[in-house]
Amino acid sequence: MDIFTDSISHFIWWSSFNWTALAQTVTDPNVLGQMQKAFTHFVQTGQAWALLIGLALGYMIRNLTSYG
């Protein structure tokens, strides 16, 4: 087990991976406001109706084409 942990620690120590690349900057921390704006846009553009119609048609087609 020592050889395994030594090799992993050696790899991590000498790795040239830049860990700061994983950090993000948050420009607008209002998550609930962003979700509300996205949902409002989803409804206003008619995508909600398209989703409901697609689900209903898909359910009907599935029942018509299933055996048994």
PDB file of N, CA and C in Angstrom:
ATOM      1  N   MET A   1       0.825  -1.195   0.000  1.00  0.00           N
ATOM      2  CA  MET A   1       0.000   0.000   0.000  1.00  0.00           C
ATOM      3  C   MET A   1       0.868   1.257   0.000  1.00  0.00           C
ATOM      4  N   ASP A   2       2.074   1.158   0.562  1.00  0.00           N
ATOM      5  CA  ASP A   2       2.949   2.317   0.602  1.00  0.00           C
ATOM      6  C   ASP A   2       3.407   2.736  -0.791  1.00  0.00           C
ATOM      7  N   ILE A   3       3.631   1.773  -1.660  1.00  0.00           N
ATOM      8  CA  ILE A   3       4.073   2.101  -3.018  1.00  0.00           C
ATOM      9  C   ILE A   3       2.966   2.854  -3.753  1.00  0.00           C
ATOM     10  N   PHE A   4       1.722   2.405  -3.563  1.00  0.00           N
ATOM     11  CA  PHE A   4       0.595   3.064  -4.217  1.00  0.00           C
ATOM     12  C   PHE A   4       0.438   4.497  -3.721  1.00  0.00           C
ATOM     13  N   THR A   5       0.425   4.710  -2.421  1.00  0.00           N
ATOM     14  CA  THR A   5       0.243   6.057  -1.881  1.00  0.00           C
ATOM     15  C   THR A   5       1.424   6.951  -2.213  1.00  0.00           C
ATOM     16  N   ASP A   6       2.627   6.376  -2.231  1.00  0.00           N
ATOM     17  CA  ASP A   6       3.801   7.170  -2.593  1.00  0.00           C
ATOM     18  C   ASP A   6       3.736   7.622  -4.046  1.00  0.00           C
ATOM     19  N   SER A   7       3.289   6.733  -4.930  1.00  0.00           N
ATOM     20  CA  SER A   7       3.235   7.110  -6.342  1.00  0.00           C
ATOM     21  C   SER A   7       2.149   8.155  -6.581  1.00  0.00           C
ATOM     22  N   ILE A   8       1.014   8.031  -5.885  1.00  0.00           N
ATOM     23  CA  ILE A   8      -0.057   9.022  -6.031  1.00  0.00           C
ATOM     24  C   ILE A   8       0.399  10.374  -5.488  1.00  0.00           C
ATOM     25  N   SER A   9       1.005  10.376  -4.319  1.00  0.00           N
ATOM     26  CA  SER A   9       1.459  11.649  -3.753  1.00  0.00           C
ATOM     27  C   SER A   9       2.554  12.267  -4.628  1.00  0.00           C
ATOM     28  N   HIS A  10       3.423  11.443  -5.194  1.00  0.00           N
ATOM     29  CA  HIS A  10       4.462  11.951  -6.093  1.00  0.00           C
ATOM     30  C   HIS A  10       3.837  12.563  -7.337  1.00  0.00           C
ATOM     31  N   PHE A  11       2.818  11.899  -7.889  1.00  0.00           N
ATOM     32  CA  PHE A  11       2.143  12.429  -9.072  1.00  0.00           C
ATOM     33  C   PHE A  11       1.477  13.762  -8.768  1.00  0.00           C
ATOM     34  N   ILE A  12       0.795  13.844  -7.636  1.00  0.00           N
ATOM     35  CA  ILE A  12       0.102  15.079  -7.279  1.00  0.00           C
ATOM     36  C   ILE A  12       1.109  16.195  -7.007  1.00  0.00           C
ATOM     37  N   TRP A  13       2.214  15.864  -6.347  1.00  0.00           N
ATOM     38  CA  TRP A  13       3.210  16.863  -6.008  1.00  0.00           C
ATOM     39  C   TRP A  13       3.864  17.451  -7.254  1.00  0.00           C
ATOM     40  N   TRP A  14       4.170  16.607  -8.227  1.00  0.00           N
ATOM     41  CA  TRP A  14       4.876  17.067  -9.421  1.00  0.00           C
ATOM     42  C   TRP A  14       3.942  17.356 -10.599  1.00  0.00           C
ATOM     43  N   SER A  15       2.654  17.258 -10.368  1.00  0.00           N
ATOM     44  CA  SER A  15       1.702  17.520 -11.440  1.00  0.00           C
ATOM     45  C   SER A  15       1.723  18.999 -11.809  1.00  0.00           C
ATOM     46  N   SER A  16       1.652  19.268 -13.087  1.00  0.00           N
ATOM     47  CA  SER A  16       1.666  20.654 -13.536  1.00  0.00           C
ATOM     48  C   SER A  16       0.253  21.177 -13.775  1.00  0.00           C
ATOM     49  N   PHE A  17      -0.756  20.453 -13.270  1.00  0.00           N
ATOM     50  CA  PHE A  17      -2.133  20.880 -13.461  1.00  0.00           C
ATOM     51  C   PHE A  17      -2.404  22.132 -12.649  1.00  0.00           C
ATOM     52  N   ASN A  18      -3.019  23.104 -13.275  1.00  0.00           N
ATOM     53  CA  ASN A  18      -3.324  24.365 -12.611  1.00  0.00           C
ATOM     54  C   ASN A  18      -4.681  24.250 -11.936  1.00  0.00           C
ATOM     55  N   TRP A  19      -4.705  24.121 -10.615  1.00  0.00           N
ATOM     56  CA  TRP A  19      -5.953  23.910  -9.878  1.00  0.00           C
ATOM     57  C   TRP A  19      -6.813  25.160  -9.840  1.00  0.00           C
ATOM     58  N   THR A  20      -6.265  26.325 -10.131  1.00  0.00           N
ATOM     59  CA  THR A  20      -7.085  27.536 -10.129  1.00  0.00           C
ATOM     60  C   THR A  20      -8.028  27.581 -11.327  1.00  0.00           C
ATOM     61  N   ALA A  21      -7.841  26.709 -12.289  1.00  0.00           N
ATOM     62  CA  ALA A  21      -8.740  26.664 -13.441  1.00  0.00           C
ATOM     63  C   ALA A  21     -10.116  26.154 -13.042  1.00  0.00           C
ATOM     64  N   LEU A  22     -10.215  25.498 -11.900  1.00  0.00           N
ATOM     65  CA  LEU A  22     -11.493  24.973 -11.441  1.00  0.00           C
ATOM     66  C   LEU A  22     -12.344  26.047 -10.765  1.00  0.00           C
ATOM     67  N   ALA A  23     -11.758  27.177 -10.437  1.00  0.00           N
ATOM     68  CA  ALA A  23     -12.489  28.248  -9.770  1.00  0.00           C
ATOM     69  C   ALA A  23     -13.360  29.001 -10.771  1.00  0.00           C
ATOM     70  N   GLN A  24     -14.469  29.550 -10.272  1.00  0.00           N
ATOM     71  CA  GLN A  24     -15.373  30.313 -11.122  1.00  0.00           C
ATOM     72  C   GLN A  24     -15.642  31.655 -10.466  1.00  0.00           C
ATOM     73  N   THR A  25     -15.952  32.622 -11.295  1.00  0.00           N
ATOM     74  CA  THR A  25     -16.365  33.909 -10.762  1.00  0.00           C
ATOM     75  C   THR A  25     -17.876  34.030 -10.940  1.00  0.00           C
ATOM     76  N   VAL A  26     -18.543  34.439  -9.907  1.00  0.00           N
ATOM     77  CA  VAL A  26     -19.989  34.575  -9.929  1.00  0.00           C
ATOM     78  C   VAL A  26     -20.321  36.041 -10.182  1.00  0.00           C
ATOM     79  N   THR A  27     -21.018  36.300 -11.289  1.00  0.00           N
ATOM     80  CA  THR A  27     -21.359  37.678 -11.618  1.00  0.00           C
ATOM     81  C   THR A  27     -22.718  38.072 -11.065  1.00  0.00           C
ATOM     82  N   ASP A  28     -23.659  37.112 -10.995  1.00  0.00           N
ATOM     83  CA  ASP A  28     -24.990  37.399 -10.470  1.00  0.00           C
ATOM     84  C   ASP A  28     -25.377  36.288  -9.498  1.00  0.00           C
ATOM     85  N   PRO A  29     -25.271  36.535  -8.188  1.00  0.00           N
ATOM     86  CA  PRO A  29     -25.538  35.476  -7.219  1.00  0.00           C
ATOM     87  C   PRO A  29     -27.025  35.231  -6.965  1.00  0.00           C
ATOM     88  N   ASN A  30     -27.908  35.921  -7.647  1.00  0.00           N
ATOM     89  CA  ASN A  30     -29.348  35.781  -7.436  1.00  0.00           C
ATOM     90  C   ASN A  30     -29.853  34.561  -8.207  1.00  0.00           C
ATOM     91  N   VAL A  31     -29.695  33.365  -7.620  1.00  0.00           N
ATOM     92  CA  VAL A  31     -30.029  32.125  -8.305  1.00  0.00           C
ATOM     93  C   VAL A  31     -31.534  31.996  -8.493  1.00  0.00           C
ATOM     94  N   LEU A  32     -32.313  32.302  -7.466  1.00  0.00           N
ATOM     95  CA  LEU A  32     -33.764  32.181  -7.577  1.00  0.00           C
ATOM     96  C   LEU A  32     -34.326  33.161  -8.602  1.00  0.00           C
ATOM     97  N   GLY A  33     -33.771  34.341  -8.675  1.00  0.00           N
ATOM     98  CA  GLY A  33     -34.192  35.312  -9.681  1.00  0.00           C
ATOM     99  C   GLY A  33     -33.883  34.831 -11.088  1.00  0.00           C
ATOM    100  N   GLN A  34     -32.730  34.200 -11.271  1.00  0.00           N
ATOM    101  CA  GLN A  34     -32.369  33.656 -12.569  1.00  0.00           C
ATOM    102  C   GLN A  34     -33.308  32.522 -12.960  1.00  0.00           C
ATOM    103  N   MET A  35     -33.677  31.673 -11.994  1.00  0.00           N
ATOM    104  CA  MET A  35     -34.599  30.577 -12.280  1.00  0.00           C
ATOM    105  C   MET A  35     -35.979  31.112 -12.646  1.00  0.00           C
ATOM    106  N   GLN A  36     -36.428  32.142 -11.948  1.00  0.00           N
ATOM    107  CA  GLN A  36     -37.727  32.730 -12.240  1.00  0.00           C
ATOM    108  C   GLN A  36     -37.728  33.366 -13.631  1.00  0.00           C
ATOM    109  N   LYS A  37     -36.653  34.054 -13.967  1.00  0.00           N
ATOM    110  CA  LYS A  37     -36.549  34.683 -15.285  1.00  0.00           C
ATOM    111  C   LYS A  37     -36.536  33.625 -16.389  1.00  0.00           C
ATOM    112  N   ALA A  38     -35.822  32.518 -16.178  1.00  0.00           N
ATOM    113  CA  ALA A  38     -35.764  31.452 -17.173  1.00  0.00           C
ATOM    114  C   ALA A  38     -37.131  30.781 -17.336  1.00  0.00           C
ATOM    115  N   PHE A  39     -37.843  30.555 -16.226  1.00  0.00           N
ATOM    116  CA  PHE A  39     -39.165  29.937 -16.307  1.00  0.00           C
ATOM    117  C   PHE A  39     -40.161  30.864 -17.000  1.00  0.00           C
ATOM    118  N   THR A  40     -40.092  32.154 -16.701  1.00  0.00           N
ATOM    119  CA  THR A  40     -40.972  33.120 -17.353  1.00  0.00           C
ATOM    120  C   THR A  40     -40.717  33.143 -18.857  1.00  0.00           C
ATOM    121  N   HIS A  41     -39.460  33.111 -19.255  1.00  0.00           N
ATOM    122  CA  HIS A  41     -39.109  33.071 -20.677  1.00  0.00           C
ATOM    123  C   HIS A  41     -39.608  31.775 -21.312  1.00  0.00           C
ATOM    124  N   PHE A  42     -39.513  30.663 -20.583  1.00  0.00           N
ATOM    125  CA  PHE A  42     -39.976  29.360 -21.064  1.00  0.00           C
ATOM    126  C   PHE A  42     -41.472  29.384 -21.350  1.00  0.00           C
ATOM    127  N   VAL A  43     -42.236  30.041 -20.483  1.00  0.00           N
ATOM    128  CA  VAL A  43     -43.688  30.112 -20.666  1.00  0.00           C
ATOM    129  C   VAL A  43     -44.045  31.120 -21.753  1.00  0.00           C
ATOM    130  N   GLN A  44     -43.398  32.276 -21.764  1.00  0.00           N
ATOM    131  CA  GLN A  44     -43.739  33.328 -22.723  1.00  0.00           C
ATOM    132  C   GLN A  44     -43.431  32.938 -24.167  1.00  0.00           C
ATOM    133  N   THR A  45     -42.429  32.125 -24.382  1.00  0.00           N
ATOM    134  CA  THR A  45     -42.071  31.742 -25.749  1.00  0.00           C
ATOM    135  C   THR A  45     -42.897  30.573 -26.258  1.00  0.00           C
ATOM    136  N   GLY A  46     -43.774  30.025 -25.429  1.00  0.00           N
ATOM    137  CA  GLY A  46     -44.636  28.930 -25.869  1.00  0.00           C
ATOM    138  C   GLY A  46     -44.018  27.562 -25.757  1.00  0.00           C
ATOM    139  N   GLN A  47     -42.859  27.473 -25.179  1.00  0.00           N
ATOM    140  CA  GLN A  47     -42.195  26.186 -25.055  1.00  0.00           C
ATOM    141  C   GLN A  47     -42.909  25.281 -24.059  1.00  0.00           C
ATOM    142  N   ALA A  48     -43.612  25.859 -23.094  1.00  0.00           N
ATOM    143  CA  ALA A  48     -44.358  25.056 -22.126  1.00  0.00           C
ATOM    144  C   ALA A  48     -45.491  24.316 -22.828  1.00  0.00           C
ATOM    145  N   TRP A  49     -46.202  25.004 -23.722  1.00  0.00           N
ATOM    146  CA  TRP A  49     -47.273  24.350 -24.475  1.00  0.00           C
ATOM    147  C   TRP A  49     -46.710  23.273 -25.382  1.00  0.00           C
ATOM    148  N   ALA A  50     -45.586  23.547 -26.010  1.00  0.00           N
ATOM    149  CA  ALA A  50     -44.962  22.543 -26.878  1.00  0.00           C
ATOM    150  C   ALA A  50     -44.564  21.309 -26.076  1.00  0.00           C
ATOM    151  N   LEU A  51     -44.081  21.509 -24.866  1.00  0.00           N
ATOM    152  CA  LEU A  51     -43.718  20.384 -24.000  1.00  0.00           C
ATOM    153  C   LEU A  51     -44.945  19.552 -23.648  1.00  0.00           C
ATOM    154  N   LEU A  52     -46.023  20.206 -23.251  1.00  0.00           N
ATOM    155  CA  LEU A  52     -47.238  19.487 -22.871  1.00  0.00           C
ATOM    156  C   LEU A  52     -47.839  18.740 -24.059  1.00  0.00           C
ATOM    157  N   ILE A  53     -47.885  19.380 -25.220  1.00  0.00           N
ATOM    158  CA  ILE A  53     -48.424  18.727 -26.413  1.00  0.00           C
ATOM    159  C   ILE A  53     -47.540  17.540 -26.815  1.00  0.00           C
ATOM    160  N   GLY A  54     -46.248  17.716 -26.744  1.00  0.00           N
ATOM    161  CA  GLY A  54     -45.329  16.624 -27.084  1.00  0.00           C
ATOM    162  C   GLY A  54     -45.459  15.449 -26.141  1.00  0.00           C
ATOM    163  N   LEU A  55     -45.626  15.718 -24.846  1.00  0.00           N
ATOM    164  CA  LEU A  55     -45.825  14.624 -23.897  1.00  0.00           C
ATOM    165  C   LEU A  55     -47.124  13.885 -24.161  1.00  0.00           C
ATOM    166  N   ALA A  56     -48.202  14.624 -24.439  1.00  0.00           N
ATOM    167  CA  ALA A  56     -49.498  13.996 -24.702  1.00  0.00           C
ATOM    168  C   ALA A  56     -49.443  13.158 -25.980  1.00  0.00           C
ATOM    169  N   LEU A  57     -48.875  13.707 -27.050  1.00  0.00           N
ATOM    170  CA  LEU A  57     -48.771  12.951 -28.303  1.00  0.00           C
ATOM    171  C   LEU A  57     -47.867  11.727 -28.150  1.00  0.00           C
ATOM    172  N   GLY A  58     -46.776  11.884 -27.458  1.00  0.00           N
ATOM    173  CA  GLY A  58     -45.875  10.757 -27.228  1.00  0.00           C
ATOM    174  C   GLY A  58     -46.530   9.652 -26.433  1.00  0.00           C
ATOM    175  N   TYR A  59     -47.324  10.017 -25.432  1.00  0.00           N
ATOM    176  CA  TYR A  59     -48.033   9.028 -24.630  1.00  0.00           C
ATOM    177  C   TYR A  59     -49.065   8.291 -25.482  1.00  0.00           C
ATOM    178  N   MET A  60     -49.783   9.029 -26.329  1.00  0.00           N
ATOM    179  CA  MET A  60     -50.791   8.393 -27.182  1.00  0.00           C
ATOM    180  C   MET A  60     -50.132   7.467 -28.209  1.00  0.00           C
ATOM    181  N   ILE A  61     -49.052   7.900 -28.808  1.00  0.00           N
ATOM    182  CA  ILE A  61     -48.345   7.070 -29.807  1.00  0.00           C
ATOM    183  C   ILE A  61     -47.770   5.829 -29.138  1.00  0.00           C
ATOM    184  N   ARG A  62     -47.246   5.985 -27.927  1.00  0.00           N
ATOM    185  CA  ARG A  62     -46.712   4.839 -27.220  1.00  0.00           C
ATOM    186  C   ARG A  62     -47.786   3.807 -26.942  1.00  0.00           C
ATOM    187  N   ASN A  63     -48.976   4.281 -26.531  1.00  0.00           N
ATOM    188  CA  ASN A  63     -50.068   3.353 -26.253  1.00  0.00           C
ATOM    189  C   ASN A  63     -50.605   2.706 -27.527  1.00  0.00           C
ATOM    190  N   LEU A  64     -50.601   3.409 -28.644  1.00  0.00           N
ATOM    191  CA  LEU A  64     -51.073   2.841 -29.898  1.00  0.00           C
ATOM    192  C   LEU A  64     -50.114   1.804 -30.471  1.00  0.00           C
ATOM    193  N   THR A  65     -48.816   1.974 -30.221  1.00  0.00           N
ATOM    194  CA  THR A  65     -47.833   1.075 -30.819  1.00  0.00           C
ATOM    195  C   THR A  65     -47.376  -0.039 -29.886  1.00  0.00           C
ATOM    196  N   SER A  66     -47.825  -0.039 -28.645  1.00  0.00           N
ATOM    197  CA  SER A  66     -47.405  -1.102 -27.729  1.00  0.00           C
ATOM    198  C   SER A  66     -48.267  -2.343 -27.938  1.00  0.00           C
ATOM    199  N   TYR A  67     -47.691  -3.470 -27.688  1.00  0.00           N
ATOM    200  CA  TYR A  67     -48.403  -4.726 -27.882  1.00  0.00           C
ATOM    201  C   TYR A  67     -48.892  -5.227 -26.531  1.00  0.00           C
ATOM    202  N   GLY A  68     -50.165  -5.531 -26.484  1.00  0.00           N
ATOM    203  CA  GLY A  68     -50.696  -6.165 -25.275  1.00  0.00           C
ATOM    204  C   GLY A  68     -51.517  -5.311 -24.493  1.00  0.00           C
TER     205      GLY A  68
END
